[in-house]
Amino acid sequence: MVFHYGQEIFEGMKAFYQTRTHGASLFRPEMNAERLITSAKRMAMEPLPKEYFLEAIHRLISLERHWVPTVFGSALYIRPTEIATEAAIGLRSSKEYLFYIILSPVGPYFSEGFKPISIFVEPEYIRAVKGGTGEAKTGGNYAASLLALQNALKAGCDQVLWLDAIEHKYVEEVGTMNQFFVIDDVIYTAPLEGTILRGVTRDSVITLARDNGYKVKEQPLSIDTIIESINSENLTEAFGAGTAASIAPVGKLVYNGKKYVINNNQVGEITKTIYEKLTSIQYGKIDDPYNWNVPIKE
C-alpha cells in the first residue's frame, strides 16, 4: 500500500565516534523516537513504541559498531523507516507495517567543507501549510520539493528556502535543514507551528546559543525584512542546522533573480562558535553537560 497511498515515515540519526572513550554514541535518540511517533500518528500509521525503537537502534549499532568512522566530521548515518506493506488497493490505512533500519558510513555533508553555501528562495511553490503534513518526516514532503530543488541547482544554489503557504512572505525552513538568521546580534528562526520539522539539531542549537549568551527568537521573519537587513548590513550571519549537515553556513541568497551576499560570503563568528560547540559535544571532544550523548549499549 505504500506505493499507492504514501504511508511512509522515517528518521535521520547518526552514531558518532567518541574521541576520548573510543566508543560510539547516539545523539539525543529519544527525540528521534518521539518524532517518529508524531509522524506515524499524522500519517495514520501504527506508532512504534519508543522503547522498541531505542532498543532496536542500540542492538543494531552494537552489532555493526566497526562501521562507525573514526575520522572527525564523519559518522554512521542511521535511517529508521516504517512503511505500509499490506498487499491491497483501496484508500485506507494499512493493516500491516514494516519497520527497518538502514546504516551507511558518511563523510561531511558538503564536499567543500565548512564553507558558506548558497540558498534559493522559492518564489512560487510551497512546502507545507498549517494542518498539513509539514511537521511529519514523510517521503511525500520531500518528493514535492524536488522540482524547486532542480530550479535551485539551475540557479547555482545548493538548497531551497521555503516561504509560508498563506502570505508567501515568511521564511520557514530549508530542504534538509532548519534555518537561522542573525540580525543585530539576535538569532531568529521560524516557530514550530506545524509547518516545519521539529529538528533535533534545531533544538540543540537554540540551547547552545542561549547558554553561550546569545539571544534567540522563535518568531516569523519575512523575506522582505531579511533582504532589507542584508542590504543595510544588519543581517550579519545565516546558517542551517540539521542531522545530515550539522551546521551549514549560508553566504548567499538568490531571490527573484537577484543575489544577496551575507557577510562577504564568510563564516560568521556565531555560526563558527555554535558549530564547534555542537560537534565537540557530539564527538566527545569536550564534556557533555546536557547528557545528549547516549553511549551504545554493549
C-alpha atoms as a PDB file:
ATOM      1  CA  MET A   1       0.000   0.000   0.000  1.00  0.00           C
ATOM      2  CA  VAL A   2       2.977   2.331   0.458  1.00  0.00           C
ATOM      3  CA  PHE A   3       3.328   2.561  -3.338  1.00  0.00           C
ATOM      4  CA  HIS A   4      -0.242   3.776  -3.821  1.00  0.00           C
ATOM      5  CA  TYR A   5      -1.080   5.870  -0.747  1.00  0.00           C
ATOM      6  CA  GLY A   6       2.301   7.014   0.555  1.00  0.00           C
ATOM      7  CA  GLN A   7       2.147   5.795   4.139  1.00  0.00           C
ATOM      8  CA  GLU A   8       5.857   6.123   4.827  1.00  0.00           C
ATOM      9  CA  ILE A   9       7.845   7.799   7.599  1.00  0.00           C
ATOM     10  CA  PHE A  10      11.495   7.854   8.555  1.00  0.00           C
ATOM     11  CA  GLU A  11      14.115   9.399  10.796  1.00  0.00           C
ATOM     12  CA  GLY A  12      17.668  10.641  10.312  1.00  0.00           C
ATOM     13  CA  MET A  13      20.218   9.966  13.047  1.00  0.00           C
ATOM     14  CA  LYS A  14      23.946   9.478  13.471  1.00  0.00           C
ATOM     15  CA  ALA A  15      26.272   7.407  15.613  1.00  0.00           C
ATOM     16  CA  PHE A  16      29.433   9.361  16.445  1.00  0.00           C
ATOM     17  CA  TYR A  17      32.891   8.034  17.321  1.00  0.00           C
ATOM     18  CA  GLN A  18      33.901   9.308  20.750  1.00  0.00           C
ATOM     19  CA  THR A  19      37.443  10.654  20.590  1.00  0.00           C
ATOM     20  CA  ARG A  20      38.173  10.222  24.306  1.00  0.00           C
ATOM     21  CA  THR A  21      36.427   6.936  25.140  1.00  0.00           C
ATOM     22  CA  HIS A  22      36.859   5.384  21.655  1.00  0.00           C
ATOM     23  CA  GLY A  23      33.287   4.120  21.809  1.00  0.00           C
ATOM     24  CA  ALA A  24      30.209   5.092  19.799  1.00  0.00           C
ATOM     25  CA  SER A  25      27.318   7.278  20.916  1.00  0.00           C
ATOM     26  CA  LEU A  26      23.926   8.340  19.638  1.00  0.00           C
ATOM     27  CA  PHE A  27      22.905  11.991  19.819  1.00  0.00           C
ATOM     28  CA  ARG A  28      19.588  12.627  21.593  1.00  0.00           C
ATOM     29  CA  PRO A  29      17.944   9.460  20.191  1.00  0.00           C
ATOM     30  CA  GLU A  30      14.859   9.840  22.362  1.00  0.00           C
ATOM     31  CA  MET A  31      13.879  12.901  20.297  1.00  0.00           C
ATOM     32  CA  ASN A  32      14.008  10.825  17.107  1.00  0.00           C
ATOM     33  CA  ALA A  33      11.880   8.127  18.745  1.00  0.00           C
ATOM     34  CA  GLU A  34       9.284  10.698  19.798  1.00  0.00           C
ATOM     35  CA  ARG A  35       9.276  12.381  16.386  1.00  0.00           C
ATOM     36  CA  LEU A  36       8.718   9.058  14.615  1.00  0.00           C
ATOM     37  CA  ILE A  37       5.645   8.541  16.813  1.00  0.00           C
ATOM     38  CA  THR A  38       4.397  12.033  15.923  1.00  0.00           C
ATOM     39  CA  SER A  39       4.915  11.336  12.214  1.00  0.00           C
ATOM     40  CA  ALA A  40       3.137   7.962  12.486  1.00  0.00           C
ATOM     41  CA  LYS A  41       0.084   9.493  14.107  1.00  0.00           C
ATOM     42  CA  ARG A  42      -0.155  12.215  11.448  1.00  0.00           C
ATOM     43  CA  MET A  43       0.124   9.649   8.643  1.00  0.00           C
ATOM     44  CA  ALA A  44      -2.468   7.351  10.277  1.00  0.00           C
ATOM     45  CA  MET A  45       0.139   4.653  10.853  1.00  0.00           C
ATOM     46  CA  GLU A  46       0.749   2.364  13.813  1.00  0.00           C
ATOM     47  CA  PRO A  47       3.284   4.149  16.065  1.00  0.00           C
ATOM     48  CA  LEU A  48       6.368   2.182  17.034  1.00  0.00           C
ATOM     49  CA  PRO A  49       6.823   2.086  20.852  1.00  0.00           C
ATOM     50  CA  LYS A  50       9.644   4.385  21.957  1.00  0.00           C
ATOM     51  CA  GLU A  51      11.358   1.655  23.965  1.00  0.00           C
ATOM     52  CA  TYR A  52      11.331  -0.752  20.997  1.00  0.00           C
ATOM     53  CA  PHE A  53      12.740   1.920  18.691  1.00  0.00           C
ATOM     54  CA  LEU A  54      15.632   2.718  21.030  1.00  0.00           C
ATOM     55  CA  GLU A  55      16.407  -0.934  21.750  1.00  0.00           C
ATOM     56  CA  ALA A  56      16.468  -1.744  18.026  1.00  0.00           C
ATOM     57  CA  ILE A  57      18.910   1.107  17.328  1.00  0.00           C
ATOM     58  CA  HIS A  58      21.228   0.087  20.177  1.00  0.00           C
ATOM     59  CA  ARG A  59      21.277  -3.584  19.219  1.00  0.00           C
ATOM     60  CA  LEU A  60      21.960  -2.897  15.564  1.00  0.00           C
ATOM     61  CA  ILE A  61      24.743  -0.364  16.183  1.00  0.00           C
ATOM     62  CA  SER A  62      26.285  -2.667  18.767  1.00  0.00           C
ATOM     63  CA  LEU A  63      26.463  -5.406  16.114  1.00  0.00           C
ATOM     64  CA  GLU A  64      27.783  -3.036  13.441  1.00  0.00           C
ATOM     65  CA  ARG A  65      29.943  -0.732  15.585  1.00  0.00           C
ATOM     66  CA  HIS A  66      33.001  -1.383  13.367  1.00  0.00           C
ATOM     67  CA  TRP A  67      31.247   0.647  10.628  1.00  0.00           C
ATOM     68  CA  VAL A  68      31.315   3.845  12.741  1.00  0.00           C
ATOM     69  CA  PRO A  69      34.002   6.036  11.078  1.00  0.00           C
ATOM     70  CA  THR A  70      36.742   7.328  13.389  1.00  0.00           C
ATOM     71  CA  VAL A  71      37.572  10.440  11.342  1.00  0.00           C
ATOM     72  CA  PHE A  72      36.224  13.696  12.783  1.00  0.00           C
ATOM     73  CA  GLY A  73      33.383  15.013  10.621  1.00  0.00           C
ATOM     74  CA  SER A  74      32.334  11.516   9.579  1.00  0.00           C
ATOM     75  CA  ALA A  75      29.677   9.364  11.237  1.00  0.00           C
ATOM     76  CA  LEU A  76      27.443   6.336  10.816  1.00  0.00           C
ATOM     77  CA  TYR A  77      24.182   7.615   9.343  1.00  0.00           C
ATOM     78  CA  ILE A  78      21.081   5.814  10.639  1.00  0.00           C
ATOM     79  CA  ARG A  79      17.781   5.755   8.731  1.00  0.00           C
ATOM     80  CA  PRO A  80      14.936   4.128  10.731  1.00  0.00           C
ATOM     81  CA  THR A  81      11.948   3.684   8.415  1.00  0.00           C
ATOM     82  CA  GLU A  82       8.348   2.479   8.628  1.00  0.00           C
ATOM     83  CA  ILE A  83       6.256   1.684   5.552  1.00  0.00           C
ATOM     84  CA  ALA A  84       2.788   0.290   4.831  1.00  0.00           C
ATOM     85  CA  THR A  85       3.193  -3.253   3.477  1.00  0.00           C
ATOM     86  CA  GLU A  86      -0.338  -4.641   3.216  1.00  0.00           C
ATOM     87  CA  ALA A  87      -0.907  -6.060  -0.280  1.00  0.00           C
ATOM     88  CA  ALA A  88      -4.134  -4.240  -1.080  1.00  0.00           C
ATOM     89  CA  ILE A  89      -5.662  -1.454  -3.155  1.00  0.00           C
ATOM     90  CA  GLY A  90      -8.178   0.838  -1.518  1.00  0.00           C
ATOM     91  CA  LEU A  91      -7.825   4.213   0.150  1.00  0.00           C
ATOM     92  CA  ARG A  92      -7.498   3.463   3.871  1.00  0.00           C
ATOM     93  CA  SER A  93      -4.805   2.925   6.462  1.00  0.00           C
ATOM     94  CA  SER A  94      -2.757  -0.212   6.022  1.00  0.00           C
ATOM     95  CA  LYS A  95      -3.235  -3.104   8.432  1.00  0.00           C
ATOM     96  CA  GLU A  96       0.410  -4.138   8.155  1.00  0.00           C
ATOM     97  CA  TYR A  97       3.672  -2.206   8.512  1.00  0.00           C
ATOM     98  CA  LEU A  98       7.362  -2.927   8.191  1.00  0.00           C
ATOM     99  CA  PHE A  99       9.942  -1.201  10.391  1.00  0.00           C
ATOM    100  CA  TYR A 100      13.542  -1.402   9.241  1.00  0.00           C
ATOM    101  CA  ILE A 101      16.829   0.457   9.692  1.00  0.00           C
ATOM    102  CA  ILE A 102      19.425   1.381   7.069  1.00  0.00           C
ATOM    103  CA  LEU A 103      23.028   2.164   8.069  1.00  0.00           C
ATOM    104  CA  SER A 104      25.604   3.999   5.983  1.00  0.00           C
ATOM    105  CA  PRO A 105      29.007   5.465   6.892  1.00  0.00           C
ATOM    106  CA  VAL A 106      29.082   9.090   5.726  1.00  0.00           C
ATOM    107  CA  GLY A 107      31.631  11.829   5.404  1.00  0.00           C
ATOM    108  CA  PRO A 108      30.938  15.570   5.701  1.00  0.00           C
ATOM    109  CA  TYR A 109      27.594  16.519   4.140  1.00  0.00           C
ATOM    110  CA  PHE A 110      29.111  19.239   1.971  1.00  0.00           C
ATOM    111  CA  SER A 111      32.134  18.131  -0.051  1.00  0.00           C
ATOM    112  CA  GLU A 112      33.576  21.658   0.010  1.00  0.00           C
ATOM    113  CA  GLY A 113      33.870  21.500   3.797  1.00  0.00           C
ATOM    114  CA  PHE A 114      32.721  24.087   6.349  1.00  0.00           C
ATOM    115  CA  LYS A 115      32.188  26.866   3.840  1.00  0.00           C
ATOM    116  CA  PRO A 116      29.147  29.055   3.087  1.00  0.00           C
ATOM    117  CA  ILE A 117      26.513  27.635   0.742  1.00  0.00           C
ATOM    118  CA  SER A 118      24.009  29.399  -1.494  1.00  0.00           C
ATOM    119  CA  ILE A 119      20.258  29.296  -0.853  1.00  0.00           C
ATOM    120  CA  PHE A 120      17.498  29.728  -3.449  1.00  0.00           C
ATOM    121  CA  VAL A 121      14.365  31.408  -2.067  1.00  0.00           C
ATOM    122  CA  GLU A 122      11.467  29.601  -3.753  1.00  0.00           C
ATOM    123  CA  PRO A 123       9.114  32.239  -5.250  1.00  0.00           C
ATOM    124  CA  GLU A 124       6.240  30.019  -6.387  1.00  0.00           C
ATOM    125  CA  TYR A 125       5.973  26.536  -4.862  1.00  0.00           C
ATOM    126  CA  ILE A 126       5.258  25.815  -1.212  1.00  0.00           C
ATOM    127  CA  ARG A 127       6.435  23.049   1.080  1.00  0.00           C
ATOM    128  CA  ALA A 128       3.694  22.859   3.713  1.00  0.00           C
ATOM    129  CA  VAL A 129       0.612  24.538   5.141  1.00  0.00           C
ATOM    130  CA  LYS A 130      -0.753  24.555   8.691  1.00  0.00           C
ATOM    131  CA  GLY A 131      -2.852  21.469   9.161  1.00  0.00           C
ATOM    132  CA  GLY A 132      -0.868  19.592   6.508  1.00  0.00           C
ATOM    133  CA  THR A 133       1.997  17.133   6.868  1.00  0.00           C
ATOM    134  CA  GLY A 134       4.877  19.593   7.165  1.00  0.00           C
ATOM    135  CA  GLU A 135       5.695  18.540  10.709  1.00  0.00           C
ATOM    136  CA  ALA A 136       5.819  14.836   9.777  1.00  0.00           C
ATOM    137  CA  LYS A 137       9.018  13.341   8.402  1.00  0.00           C
ATOM    138  CA  THR A 138       7.387  11.592   5.474  1.00  0.00           C
ATOM    139  CA  GLY A 139       8.602  10.912   1.956  1.00  0.00           C
ATOM    140  CA  GLY A 140       5.836  12.853   0.232  1.00  0.00           C
ATOM    141  CA  ASN A 141       7.112  16.123   1.661  1.00  0.00           C
ATOM    142  CA  TYR A 142      10.466  15.535   0.026  1.00  0.00           C
ATOM    143  CA  ALA A 143       9.044  14.354  -3.302  1.00  0.00           C
ATOM    144  CA  ALA A 144       7.018  17.572  -3.545  1.00  0.00           C
ATOM    145  CA  SER A 145      10.185  19.629  -3.001  1.00  0.00           C
ATOM    146  CA  LEU A 146      12.285  18.155  -5.799  1.00  0.00           C
ATOM    147  CA  LEU A 147      11.084  20.444  -8.599  1.00  0.00           C
ATOM    148  CA  ALA A 148      12.044  23.508  -6.578  1.00  0.00           C
ATOM    149  CA  LEU A 149      15.407  21.907  -5.807  1.00  0.00           C
ATOM    150  CA  GLN A 150      16.018  21.439  -9.527  1.00  0.00           C
ATOM    151  CA  ASN A 151      15.318  25.146 -10.029  1.00  0.00           C
ATOM    152  CA  ALA A 152      17.718  25.972  -7.204  1.00  0.00           C
ATOM    153  CA  LEU A 153      20.500  23.914  -8.734  1.00  0.00           C
ATOM    154  CA  LYS A 154      19.951  25.599 -12.109  1.00  0.00           C
ATOM    155  CA  ALA A 155      20.365  28.941 -10.345  1.00  0.00           C
ATOM    156  CA  GLY A 156      23.695  27.780  -8.922  1.00  0.00           C
ATOM    157  CA  CYS A 157      22.373  27.216  -5.402  1.00  0.00           C
ATOM    158  CA  ASP A 158      22.730  24.297  -3.012  1.00  0.00           C
ATOM    159  CA  GLN A 159      19.376  24.310  -1.245  1.00  0.00           C
ATOM    160  CA  VAL A 160      15.851  25.768  -1.280  1.00  0.00           C
ATOM    161  CA  LEU A 161      14.488  28.168   1.326  1.00  0.00           C
ATOM    162  CA  TRP A 162      10.713  27.820   1.613  1.00  0.00           C
ATOM    163  CA  LEU A 163       8.257  30.607   2.362  1.00  0.00           C
ATOM    164  CA  ASP A 164       4.930  30.205   4.148  1.00  0.00           C
ATOM    165  CA  ALA A 165       1.927  28.959   2.188  1.00  0.00           C
ATOM    166  CA  ILE A 166      -0.600  31.663   3.135  1.00  0.00           C
ATOM    167  CA  GLU A 167       1.139  35.015   2.634  1.00  0.00           C
ATOM    168  CA  HIS A 168       4.201  33.659   0.857  1.00  0.00           C
ATOM    169  CA  LYS A 169       6.442  36.064   2.730  1.00  0.00           C
ATOM    170  CA  TYR A 170       7.665  34.423   5.956  1.00  0.00           C
ATOM    171  CA  VAL A 171      10.707  32.156   5.811  1.00  0.00           C
ATOM    172  CA  GLU A 172      10.247  28.650   7.123  1.00  0.00           C
ATOM    173  CA  GLU A 173      12.959  26.041   6.543  1.00  0.00           C
ATOM    174  CA  VAL A 174      15.482  24.797   4.005  1.00  0.00           C
ATOM    175  CA  GLY A 175      15.018  21.454   2.246  1.00  0.00           C
ATOM    176  CA  THR A 176      17.232  19.464   4.630  1.00  0.00           C
ATOM    177  CA  MET A 177      17.676  21.906   7.496  1.00  0.00           C
ATOM    178  CA  ASN A 178      16.049  24.356   9.839  1.00  0.00           C
ATOM    179  CA  GLN A 179      17.213  27.886   9.072  1.00  0.00           C
ATOM    180  CA  PHE A 180      18.657  30.620  11.314  1.00  0.00           C
ATOM    181  CA  PHE A 181      19.410  34.309  10.662  1.00  0.00           C
ATOM    182  CA  VAL A 182      21.434  36.723  12.812  1.00  0.00           C
ATOM    183  CA  ILE A 183      20.124  40.301  12.757  1.00  0.00           C
ATOM    184  CA  ASP A 184      21.537  42.909  15.154  1.00  0.00           C
ATOM    185  CA  ASP A 185      23.162  40.076  17.148  1.00  0.00           C
ATOM    186  CA  VAL A 186      19.802  38.326  17.657  1.00  0.00           C
ATOM    187  CA  ILE A 187      19.354  34.808  16.254  1.00  0.00           C
ATOM    188  CA  TYR A 188      15.995  34.288  14.538  1.00  0.00           C
ATOM    189  CA  THR A 189      14.381  31.030  13.464  1.00  0.00           C
ATOM    190  CA  ALA A 190      10.873  30.061  12.386  1.00  0.00           C
ATOM    191  CA  PRO A 191       8.494  28.955  15.169  1.00  0.00           C
ATOM    192  CA  LEU A 192       7.148  25.418  15.450  1.00  0.00           C
ATOM    193  CA  GLU A 193       3.590  25.831  14.195  1.00  0.00           C
ATOM    194  CA  GLY A 194       3.072  22.564  12.327  1.00  0.00           C
ATOM    195  CA  THR A 195       4.669  23.513   9.006  1.00  0.00           C
ATOM    196  CA  ILE A 196       8.331  22.745   9.718  1.00  0.00           C
ATOM    197  CA  LEU A 197      10.182  19.789  11.153  1.00  0.00           C
ATOM    198  CA  ARG A 198      10.941  19.698  14.873  1.00  0.00           C
ATOM    199  CA  GLY A 199      14.663  19.402  14.260  1.00  0.00           C
ATOM    200  CA  VAL A 200      16.853  17.710  16.864  1.00  0.00           C
ATOM    201  CA  THR A 201      19.778  19.876  15.759  1.00  0.00           C
ATOM    202  CA  ARG A 202      17.494  22.933  15.773  1.00  0.00           C
ATOM    203  CA  ASP A 203      16.621  22.370  19.416  1.00  0.00           C
ATOM    204  CA  SER A 204      20.283  21.755  20.276  1.00  0.00           C
ATOM    205  CA  VAL A 205      21.389  24.953  18.502  1.00  0.00           C
ATOM    206  CA  ILE A 206      18.848  27.056  20.392  1.00  0.00           C
ATOM    207  CA  THR A 207      20.013  25.606  23.717  1.00  0.00           C
ATOM    208  CA  LEU A 208      23.705  26.098  22.921  1.00  0.00           C
ATOM    209  CA  ALA A 209      23.147  29.626  21.633  1.00  0.00           C
ATOM    210  CA  ARG A 210      21.252  30.758  24.726  1.00  0.00           C
ATOM    211  CA  ASP A 211      23.730  29.101  27.077  1.00  0.00           C
ATOM    212  CA  ASN A 212      26.542  30.953  25.298  1.00  0.00           C
ATOM    213  CA  GLY A 213      24.880  34.315  25.859  1.00  0.00           C
ATOM    214  CA  TYR A 214      23.150  34.807  22.528  1.00  0.00           C
ATOM    215  CA  LYS A 215      19.551  35.972  22.275  1.00  0.00           C
ATOM    216  CA  VAL A 216      17.294  33.649  20.271  1.00  0.00           C
ATOM    217  CA  LYS A 217      13.828  34.483  18.962  1.00  0.00           C
ATOM    218  CA  GLU A 218      11.490  31.832  17.545  1.00  0.00           C
ATOM    219  CA  GLN A 219       9.193  34.060  15.529  1.00  0.00           C
ATOM    220  CA  PRO A 220       8.090  34.666  11.939  1.00  0.00           C
ATOM    221  CA  LEU A 221      10.621  36.614   9.865  1.00  0.00           C
ATOM    222  CA  SER A 222       9.664  37.969   6.452  1.00  0.00           C
ATOM    223  CA  ILE A 223      11.857  37.644   3.409  1.00  0.00           C
ATOM    224  CA  ASP A 224      11.495  41.407   2.906  1.00  0.00           C
ATOM    225  CA  THR A 225      12.974  42.025   6.350  1.00  0.00           C
ATOM    226  CA  ILE A 226      15.830  39.653   5.546  1.00  0.00           C
ATOM    227  CA  ILE A 227      16.622  41.382   2.239  1.00  0.00           C
ATOM    228  CA  GLU A 228      16.455  44.829   3.844  1.00  0.00           C
ATOM    229  CA  SER A 229      18.711  43.633   6.677  1.00  0.00           C
ATOM    230  CA  ILE A 230      21.259  42.220   4.235  1.00  0.00           C
ATOM    231  CA  ASN A 231      21.310  45.491   2.291  1.00  0.00           C
ATOM    232  CA  SER A 232      21.745  47.521   5.497  1.00  0.00           C
ATOM    233  CA  GLU A 233      24.356  45.018   6.766  1.00  0.00           C
ATOM    234  CA  ASN A 234      22.315  44.445   9.937  1.00  0.00           C
ATOM    235  CA  LEU A 235      21.985  40.786   8.935  1.00  0.00           C
ATOM    236  CA  THR A 236      25.485  39.521   9.615  1.00  0.00           C
ATOM    237  CA  GLU A 237      25.119  35.717   9.515  1.00  0.00           C
ATOM    238  CA  ALA A 238      22.856  32.914   8.369  1.00  0.00           C
ATOM    239  CA  PHE A 239      23.151  29.166   8.814  1.00  0.00           C
ATOM    240  CA  GLY A 240      21.184  25.946   8.527  1.00  0.00           C
ATOM    241  CA  ALA A 241      21.034  23.178  11.123  1.00  0.00           C
ATOM    242  CA  GLY A 242      20.197  19.518  10.591  1.00  0.00           C
ATOM    243  CA  THR A 243      21.391  15.998  11.313  1.00  0.00           C
ATOM    244  CA  ALA A 244      22.863  15.442   7.859  1.00  0.00           C
ATOM    245  CA  ALA A 245      24.684  18.755   7.534  1.00  0.00           C
ATOM    246  CA  SER A 246      25.166  19.596  11.236  1.00  0.00           C
ATOM    247  CA  ILE A 247      25.709  23.348  10.753  1.00  0.00           C
ATOM    248  CA  ALA A 248      25.824  24.834   7.248  1.00  0.00           C
ATOM    249  CA  PRO A 249      26.862  28.492   6.910  1.00  0.00           C
ATOM    250  CA  VAL A 250      24.919  30.465   4.313  1.00  0.00           C
ATOM    251  CA  GLY A 251      26.797  33.073   2.306  1.00  0.00           C
ATOM    252  CA  LYS A 252      24.320  33.980  -0.399  1.00  0.00           C
ATOM    253  CA  LEU A 253      20.576  34.155  -1.065  1.00  0.00           C
ATOM    254  CA  VAL A 254      19.055  34.176  -4.539  1.00  0.00           C
ATOM    255  CA  TYR A 255      15.588  35.751  -4.582  1.00  0.00           C
ATOM    256  CA  ASN A 256      13.582  36.832  -7.627  1.00  0.00           C
ATOM    257  CA  GLY A 257      16.664  36.636  -9.810  1.00  0.00           C
ATOM    258  CA  LYS A 258      18.864  38.788  -7.572  1.00  0.00           C
ATOM    259  CA  LYS A 259      21.827  37.685  -5.478  1.00  0.00           C
ATOM    260  CA  TYR A 260      22.284  38.887  -1.911  1.00  0.00           C
ATOM    261  CA  VAL A 261      25.649  38.219  -0.275  1.00  0.00           C
ATOM    262  CA  ILE A 262      25.840  37.739   3.506  1.00  0.00           C
ATOM    263  CA  ASN A 263      28.977  38.670   5.477  1.00  0.00           C
ATOM    264  CA  ASN A 264      31.106  38.804   2.310  1.00  0.00           C
ATOM    265  CA  ASN A 265      30.391  35.091   1.879  1.00  0.00           C
ATOM    266  CA  GLN A 266      32.420  34.318   5.007  1.00  0.00           C
ATOM    267  CA  VAL A 267      31.570  32.114   8.007  1.00  0.00           C
ATOM    268  CA  GLY A 268      30.357  34.275  10.888  1.00  0.00           C
ATOM    269  CA  GLU A 269      31.608  34.134  14.460  1.00  0.00           C
ATOM    270  CA  ILE A 270      28.300  32.967  15.958  1.00  0.00           C
ATOM    271  CA  THR A 271      27.955  30.232  13.325  1.00  0.00           C
ATOM    272  CA  LYS A 272      31.514  29.074  13.978  1.00  0.00           C
ATOM    273  CA  THR A 273      31.036  29.075  17.762  1.00  0.00           C
ATOM    274  CA  ILE A 274      27.844  27.009  17.629  1.00  0.00           C
ATOM    275  CA  TYR A 275      29.345  24.592  15.098  1.00  0.00           C
ATOM    276  CA  GLU A 276      32.416  23.990  17.246  1.00  0.00           C
ATOM    277  CA  LYS A 277      30.381  23.568  20.430  1.00  0.00           C
ATOM    278  CA  LEU A 278      27.888  21.187  18.837  1.00  0.00           C
ATOM    279  CA  THR A 279      30.372  18.959  17.053  1.00  0.00           C
ATOM    280  CA  SER A 280      32.753  18.895  20.009  1.00  0.00           C
ATOM    281  CA  ILE A 281      29.944  17.526  22.167  1.00  0.00           C
ATOM    282  CA  GLN A 282      28.800  15.048  19.517  1.00  0.00           C
ATOM    283  CA  TYR A 283      32.291  13.597  19.061  1.00  0.00           C
ATOM    284  CA  GLY A 284      33.124  13.641  22.761  1.00  0.00           C
ATOM    285  CA  LYS A 285      35.952  16.167  22.453  1.00  0.00           C
ATOM    286  CA  ILE A 286      34.522  18.141  25.381  1.00  0.00           C
ATOM    287  CA  ASP A 287      32.239  17.319  28.296  1.00  0.00           C
ATOM    288  CA  ASP A 288      28.528  16.953  27.553  1.00  0.00           C
ATOM    289  CA  PRO A 289      26.708  18.964  30.261  1.00  0.00           C
ATOM    290  CA  TYR A 290      23.310  18.176  28.714  1.00  0.00           C
ATOM    291  CA  ASN A 291      23.655  14.374  28.653  1.00  0.00           C
ATOM    292  CA  TRP A 292      22.803  14.457  24.957  1.00  0.00           C
ATOM    293  CA  ASN A 293      25.240  11.693  24.044  1.00  0.00           C
ATOM    294  CA  VAL A 294      23.916   8.190  24.704  1.00  0.00           C
ATOM    295  CA  PRO A 295      26.661   5.508  24.551  1.00  0.00           C
ATOM    296  CA  ILE A 296      25.811   2.406  22.554  1.00  0.00           C
ATOM    297  CA  LYS A 297      24.988  -0.492  24.860  1.00  0.00           C
ATOM    298  CA  GLU A 298      27.326  -3.465  24.735  1.00  0.00           C
END
